Amino acid sequence: MRIFIILTVSVVCVLPLAAFAQQASQSTAPIPDFSRIWTRSGFPWFEPPASGPGPVTNKSRWPYIVNQRLGGSPGGSPGLPPSEDGQGVSDYDQLVGDYTNPILQPWAAAVVKKFGEMSLAGITYGNPSNQCWPEPVPFIYKQLRVLIIQQPDTITFVYSDNMDVRRVHLNPHHEPLTPALYGDSAGHYEGDTLVIDTVGVRTDRPYAMIDLFGTPYTKSLHVVERYRLREYDDIKDALERHKKENWLPTGDIYSGHRGKFLQLHLTIEDEGVFTTPWTATITYVPGPDTWSEVVCAENTHQYYYNNEADVPRAEKPDF
């Protein structure tokens, strides 16, 4: 159960620190400037790779016309029946993960299949997002907007939904490693690329999954993020795969943009869940200069059923 409280802060974010700029000017190669608000569109969120192992995708589809509507869908579900031929974009009303994806070990495939059967039965199962829990990497990419703040020794990622905050330290992993809700993220620059290595994501928590299909993870989860500023021609093929795979709830925000895109390339491995490492991309465009915070708070309203939960009630006052 969750309720969203939206607060828009009308403040232009001035992000890069003077010390950071000085550090960049003194280095042999300029440090790329990612500091700003970035936004994306798409549920789920992974852009499948052009070839090779890729993420679990949705077996339930909507017709392609969902993403062809002028301006896109304003939010919520399009209210269309599943595509009869099984083709089209991911059906956000039925999250049926493809448990036949060869990246899944048999036990993990069984978990994904069980969640898919629940969704087909009309049951909305809990996940970190709809239960107001911190969202680990890579589940956190569900959020449509992120504020990146670069500093000399730290990079901070602030996500708009539920006040999730990740802090990436620009030095090696902590030793000894202590598992945490967001894991331990160590970053460094390789030319024009920010590389982040994340391990140590806690498993002893509710809703331990990496995507909306309930794909599990273990203590062996290892995520490598590579952030680069790209031109449209560099990422147009990935965007075409994105629009064919995922529902764009805020419409196509990519095709009309001509400027820098932020592309995130992911490599994910977990020897306890996957048979092989797999890859995907996620693409962002520059966002607005205002920051809307969405606060998720536990309450009795089940927003996905639009009714009130049956909670315990006293027969008479206890005072």
Protein backbone atom coordinates (compact mmCIF):
# COMPACT_ATOMS: atom_id res chain seq x y z
CA MET A 1 0.00 0.00 0.00
CA ARG A 2 1.37 3.43 -0.81
CA ILE A 3 0.35 7.02 -1.43
CA PHE A 4 2.29 9.54 -3.47
CA ILE A 5 2.83 13.10 -2.29
CA ILE A 6 4.28 15.28 -5.03
CA LEU A 7 6.21 18.44 -4.17
CA THR A 8 7.66 20.58 -6.93
CA VAL A 9 10.63 22.67 -5.92
CA SER A 10 10.99 25.64 -8.24
CA VAL A 11 14.73 26.04 -7.85
CA VAL A 12 17.30 25.81 -10.60
CA CYS A 13 19.87 23.20 -9.55
CA VAL A 14 23.41 24.55 -9.67
CA LEU A 15 25.42 21.40 -9.32
CA PRO A 16 29.12 21.20 -10.15
CA LEU A 17 31.34 22.36 -7.28
CA ALA A 18 34.23 24.73 -7.83
CA ALA A 19 36.63 22.17 -6.39
CA PHE A 20 35.36 19.58 -8.83
CA ALA A 21 35.80 21.93 -11.77
CA GLN A 22 39.34 22.67 -10.61
CA GLN A 23 40.08 18.95 -10.37
CA ALA A 24 38.79 18.45 -13.91
CA SER A 25 40.93 21.28 -15.30
CA GLN A 26 44.06 19.82 -13.73
CA SER A 27 43.56 16.30 -15.09
CA THR A 28 45.01 15.15 -18.38
CA ALA A 29 41.55 14.34 -19.74
CA PRO A 30 38.46 16.44 -19.01
CA ILE A 31 35.94 14.82 -16.69
CA PRO A 32 32.53 14.56 -18.40
CA ASP A 33 29.85 16.75 -16.86
CA PHE A 34 26.76 14.70 -15.99
CA SER A 35 25.56 17.07 -13.26
CA ARG A 36 21.95 17.94 -13.92
CA ILE A 37 18.47 16.42 -13.92
CA TRP A 38 17.92 13.64 -16.45
CA THR A 39 14.65 12.02 -17.43
CA ARG A 40 13.51 8.99 -19.38
CA SER A 41 10.29 7.25 -20.43
CA GLY A 42 9.50 3.56 -20.46
CA PHE A 43 8.03 0.73 -18.37
CA PRO A 44 9.73 -1.61 -17.82
CA TRP A 45 13.03 0.12 -18.38
CA PHE A 46 15.74 -2.06 -19.97
CA GLU A 47 16.59 -1.50 -23.63
CA PRO A 48 17.49 -4.98 -24.94
CA PRO A 49 20.92 -5.34 -26.55
CA ALA A 50 21.31 -5.65 -30.31
CA SER A 51 22.72 -9.14 -29.75
CA GLY A 52 23.75 -11.46 -26.95
CA PRO A 53 22.10 -12.23 -23.61
CA GLY A 54 19.62 -9.62 -22.45
CA PRO A 55 17.13 -8.94 -19.66
CA VAL A 56 13.92 -10.75 -18.82
CA THR A 57 11.12 -9.19 -20.87
CA ASN A 58 7.33 -9.29 -20.74
CA LYS A 59 5.47 -12.15 -22.41
CA SER A 60 2.24 -10.15 -22.28
CA ARG A 61 2.03 -7.42 -24.92
CA TRP A 62 -0.05 -4.41 -25.94
CA PRO A 63 -0.46 -3.46 -29.62
CA TYR A 64 2.28 -1.17 -30.93
CA ILE A 65 -0.31 1.59 -31.34
CA VAL A 66 0.13 2.34 -27.63
CA ASN A 67 3.46 4.06 -28.34
CA GLN A 68 2.27 5.59 -31.62
CA ARG A 69 -0.37 7.81 -30.06
CA LEU A 70 0.33 11.50 -30.58
CA GLY A 71 2.00 12.76 -27.45
CA GLY A 72 1.95 9.35 -25.83
CA SER A 73 -0.34 8.08 -23.13
CA PRO A 74 -0.90 10.61 -20.32
CA GLY A 75 -0.28 8.07 -17.56
CA GLY A 76 -1.84 5.00 -16.08
CA SER A 77 -2.58 2.08 -18.36
CA PRO A 78 -3.85 2.51 -21.93
CA GLY A 79 -6.80 0.27 -21.12
CA LEU A 80 -6.25 -1.93 -24.15
CA PRO A 81 -6.62 -5.71 -24.25
CA PRO A 82 -3.46 -7.78 -24.74
CA SER A 83 -2.28 -8.14 -28.31
CA GLU A 84 -3.81 -11.28 -29.82
CA ASP A 85 -0.70 -12.14 -31.82
CA GLY A 86 1.61 -11.67 -28.87
CA GLN A 87 3.40 -8.81 -30.61
CA GLY A 88 3.71 -5.24 -29.42
CA VAL A 89 5.03 -3.39 -26.38
CA SER A 90 5.15 -4.59 -22.80
CA ASP A 91 1.69 -4.83 -21.20
CA TYR A 92 2.10 -2.91 -17.94
CA ASP A 93 -1.18 -4.33 -16.63
CA GLN A 94 0.15 -7.90 -16.91
CA LEU A 95 3.74 -8.37 -15.78
CA VAL A 96 4.49 -11.85 -17.07
CA GLY A 97 8.24 -12.27 -17.18
CA ASP A 98 9.66 -14.54 -19.85
CA TYR A 99 10.80 -17.40 -17.64
CA THR A 100 12.15 -19.20 -20.73
CA ASN A 101 14.94 -16.63 -21.11
CA PRO A 102 18.13 -18.74 -21.09
CA ILE A 103 19.89 -16.36 -18.70
CA LEU A 104 17.76 -17.76 -15.84
CA GLN A 105 18.79 -20.75 -13.77
CA PRO A 106 15.88 -23.19 -13.27
CA TRP A 107 15.03 -22.08 -9.73
CA ALA A 108 15.03 -18.41 -10.77
CA ALA A 109 12.85 -19.21 -13.80
CA ALA A 110 10.35 -20.87 -11.44
CA VAL A 111 10.24 -17.70 -9.31
CA VAL A 112 9.59 -15.50 -12.36
CA LYS A 113 6.94 -17.92 -13.62
CA LYS A 114 5.12 -17.84 -10.28
CA PHE A 115 4.97 -14.04 -10.25
CA GLY A 116 3.70 -14.06 -13.84
CA GLU A 117 0.90 -16.45 -12.91
CA MET A 118 -0.10 -14.13 -10.08
CA SER A 119 -0.24 -11.18 -12.46
CA LEU A 120 -2.35 -13.11 -14.98
CA ALA A 121 -4.74 -13.93 -12.12
CA GLY A 122 -5.19 -10.22 -11.43
CA ILE A 123 -3.05 -10.22 -8.28
CA THR A 124 -0.78 -7.19 -7.81
CA TYR A 125 2.20 -8.60 -5.97
CA GLY A 126 4.45 -6.49 -3.80
CA ASN A 127 7.66 -4.99 -5.12
CA PRO A 128 9.99 -2.29 -3.74
CA SER A 129 8.14 0.44 -5.63
CA ASN A 130 4.52 -0.28 -4.68
CA GLN A 131 5.48 -1.15 -1.09
CA CYS A 132 7.55 2.00 -0.41
CA TRP A 133 10.80 0.12 0.13
CA PRO A 134 14.26 1.32 -0.97
CA GLU A 135 14.92 0.25 -4.54
CA PRO A 136 18.27 -1.46 -5.12
CA VAL A 137 20.29 -1.45 -8.30
CA PRO A 138 19.05 -2.35 -10.87
CA PHE A 139 15.40 -2.04 -9.76
CA ILE A 140 16.00 1.65 -9.07
CA TYR A 141 16.13 2.37 -12.81
CA LYS A 142 12.34 2.11 -12.77
CA GLN A 143 12.32 5.73 -11.66
CA LEU A 144 11.85 8.16 -14.52
CA ARG A 145 13.95 11.05 -13.25
CA VAL A 146 17.36 11.30 -11.64
CA LEU A 147 19.48 14.18 -10.38
CA ILE A 148 23.23 13.58 -10.67
CA ILE A 149 25.60 15.59 -8.46
CA GLN A 150 29.33 15.24 -9.14
CA GLN A 151 31.85 16.11 -6.44
CA PRO A 152 35.60 15.47 -6.16
CA ASP A 153 35.28 12.22 -4.21
CA THR A 154 31.58 11.34 -4.46
CA ILE A 155 28.82 11.15 -7.03
CA THR A 156 25.29 11.35 -5.70
CA PHE A 157 22.23 10.05 -7.53
CA VAL A 158 18.91 11.42 -6.25
CA TYR A 159 15.85 9.69 -7.69
CA SER A 160 12.50 11.47 -7.81
CA ASP A 161 10.35 8.61 -6.52
CA ASN A 162 10.41 7.90 -2.79
CA MET A 163 13.53 10.00 -2.11
CA ASP A 164 15.93 7.18 -3.03
CA VAL A 165 19.54 8.38 -2.82
CA ARG A 166 22.66 6.53 -3.98
CA ARG A 167 26.17 7.64 -3.09
CA VAL A 168 29.05 6.45 -5.24
CA HIS A 169 32.55 6.86 -3.78
CA LEU A 170 35.42 7.45 -6.20
CA ASN A 171 37.78 4.96 -4.60
CA PRO A 172 37.93 1.16 -4.26
CA HIS A 173 35.24 -0.88 -2.53
CA HIS A 174 35.11 -0.69 1.24
CA GLU A 175 36.92 -3.47 3.08
CA PRO A 176 35.51 -5.36 4.81
CA LEU A 177 32.40 -5.14 2.66
CA THR A 178 29.17 -4.59 4.59
CA PRO A 179 25.98 -5.41 2.62
CA ALA A 180 23.63 -2.43 2.30
CA LEU A 181 20.23 -1.69 0.76
CA TYR A 182 21.86 0.06 -2.20
CA GLY A 183 25.03 -2.03 -2.10
CA ASP A 184 28.56 -0.65 -2.15
CA SER A 185 29.22 1.42 -5.27
CA ALA A 186 32.75 2.37 -6.32
CA GLY A 187 33.30 4.62 -9.31
CA HIS A 188 36.05 5.93 -11.54
CA TYR A 189 36.41 7.70 -14.88
CA GLU A 190 37.67 6.07 -18.05
CA GLY A 191 38.05 8.94 -20.49
CA ASP A 192 34.53 10.20 -21.28
CA THR A 193 32.87 7.37 -19.34
CA LEU A 194 31.85 7.15 -15.69
CA VAL A 195 32.19 3.52 -14.58
CA ILE A 196 30.42 2.36 -11.40
CA ASP A 197 30.91 -1.08 -9.89
CA THR A 198 28.26 -2.20 -7.37
CA VAL A 199 28.37 -5.25 -5.12
CA GLY A 200 27.08 -6.08 -1.65
CA VAL A 201 23.36 -5.45 -2.20
CA ARG A 202 21.48 -6.81 0.81
CA THR A 203 19.41 -9.92 0.27
CA ASP A 204 17.85 -10.16 3.75
CA ARG A 205 15.05 -7.73 2.97
CA PRO A 206 11.47 -7.85 1.71
CA TYR A 207 10.86 -7.59 -2.03
CA ALA A 208 14.38 -8.62 -3.02
CA MET A 209 14.07 -8.45 -6.82
CA ILE A 210 15.83 -6.68 -9.65
CA ASP A 211 12.87 -5.97 -11.92
CA LEU A 212 9.06 -5.83 -12.09
CA PHE A 213 8.88 -9.52 -12.99
CA GLY A 214 10.22 -10.60 -9.61
CA THR A 215 13.59 -11.79 -10.91
CA PRO A 216 15.53 -12.62 -7.73
CA TYR A 217 19.14 -11.91 -6.84
CA THR A 218 21.69 -13.30 -4.39
CA LYS A 219 24.71 -11.97 -2.53
CA SER A 220 26.68 -12.54 -5.76
CA LEU A 221 24.84 -9.76 -7.63
CA HIS A 222 27.38 -7.60 -9.48
CA VAL A 223 26.32 -4.58 -11.53
CA VAL A 224 28.63 -2.48 -13.72
CA GLU A 225 27.26 0.84 -14.97
CA ARG A 226 28.91 2.84 -17.74
CA TYR A 227 27.55 6.39 -18.24
CA ARG A 228 28.39 8.37 -21.40
CA LEU A 229 27.10 11.50 -23.10
CA ARG A 230 26.03 10.52 -26.62
CA GLU A 231 24.63 12.03 -29.80
CA TYR A 232 21.36 10.88 -31.32
CA ASP A 233 23.05 8.92 -34.12
CA ASP A 234 25.03 6.99 -31.50
CA ILE A 235 21.97 5.68 -29.69
CA LYS A 236 19.12 5.71 -32.21
CA ASP A 237 19.24 1.93 -32.68
CA ALA A 238 18.94 1.38 -28.92
CA LEU A 239 16.01 3.79 -28.83
CA GLU A 240 14.25 1.87 -31.60
CA ARG A 241 14.61 -1.33 -29.59
CA HIS A 242 13.34 0.54 -26.54
CA LYS A 243 10.20 1.75 -28.31
CA LYS A 244 9.47 -1.73 -29.63
CA GLU A 245 9.89 -3.35 -26.21
CA ASN A 246 8.64 -0.90 -23.58
CA TRP A 247 5.52 1.17 -23.00
CA LEU A 248 6.29 4.91 -23.05
CA PRO A 249 3.88 6.39 -20.46
CA THR A 250 5.00 9.97 -21.11
CA GLY A 251 5.25 9.53 -24.86
CA ASP A 252 8.30 9.58 -27.12
CA ILE A 253 10.58 12.14 -25.47
CA TYR A 254 13.58 11.03 -27.51
CA SER A 255 12.94 11.50 -31.23
CA GLY A 256 12.56 15.27 -31.09
CA HIS A 257 15.64 15.87 -28.95
CA ARG A 258 18.83 16.98 -30.67
CA GLY A 259 21.54 17.50 -28.14
CA LYS A 260 23.33 15.33 -25.65
CA PHE A 261 21.73 12.12 -24.41
CA LEU A 262 22.91 10.26 -21.33
CA GLN A 263 23.26 6.57 -22.06
CA LEU A 264 23.73 4.00 -19.34
CA HIS A 265 25.22 0.68 -20.44
CA LEU A 266 24.72 -2.13 -17.93
CA THR A 267 26.44 -5.44 -17.38
CA ILE A 268 24.73 -7.61 -14.76
CA GLU A 269 25.89 -10.93 -13.38
CA ASP A 270 24.89 -13.13 -10.46
CA GLU A 271 26.26 -16.66 -10.37
CA GLY A 272 23.46 -17.66 -8.00
CA VAL A 273 20.67 -16.63 -10.41
CA PHE A 274 21.95 -16.25 -13.98
CA THR A 275 23.65 -18.67 -16.31
CA THR A 276 25.68 -15.89 -17.92
CA PRO A 277 26.29 -12.14 -17.61
CA TRP A 278 23.85 -10.07 -19.63
CA THR A 279 23.66 -6.49 -20.86
CA ALA A 280 21.14 -3.73 -21.49
CA THR A 281 21.04 0.03 -21.96
CA ILE A 282 18.93 2.87 -20.58
CA THR A 283 18.77 6.29 -22.24
CA TYR A 284 17.98 9.66 -20.68
CA VAL A 285 17.38 13.14 -22.07
CA PRO A 286 17.96 16.40 -20.17
CA GLY A 287 15.17 17.02 -17.71
CA PRO A 288 13.59 20.23 -16.41
CA ASP A 289 15.32 22.65 -14.04
CA THR A 290 12.65 22.07 -11.41
CA TRP A 291 12.64 19.06 -9.13
CA SER A 292 9.43 17.23 -8.27
CA GLU A 293 9.78 15.00 -5.23
CA VAL A 294 7.42 12.07 -4.94
CA VAL A 295 7.11 10.83 -1.37
CA CYS A 296 5.85 7.31 -0.87
CA ALA A 297 4.14 6.76 2.49
CA GLU A 298 2.48 3.68 3.94
CA ASN A 299 -1.27 4.08 4.36
CA THR A 300 -4.52 2.15 4.03
CA HIS A 301 -5.30 3.17 0.43
CA GLN A 302 -4.53 0.48 -2.14
CA TYR A 303 -3.90 2.72 -5.13
CA TYR A 304 -3.66 -0.19 -7.57
CA TYR A 305 -7.16 -1.42 -6.59
CA ASN A 306 -8.53 2.06 -5.77
CA ASN A 307 -10.03 0.97 -2.45
CA GLU A 308 -9.21 0.90 1.24
CA ALA A 309 -7.42 -2.01 2.92
CA ASP A 310 -9.20 -3.99 5.59
CA VAL A 311 -7.11 -3.07 8.63
CA PRO A 312 -7.75 -4.05 12.27
CA ARG A 313 -10.29 -1.87 14.06
CA ALA A 314 -11.14 -1.71 17.76
CA GLU A 315 -14.68 -2.53 18.80
CA LYS A 316 -14.55 0.28 21.36
CA PRO A 317 -12.07 2.99 22.33
CA ASP A 318 -9.22 1.78 24.54
CA PHE A 319 -9.15 4.93 26.66
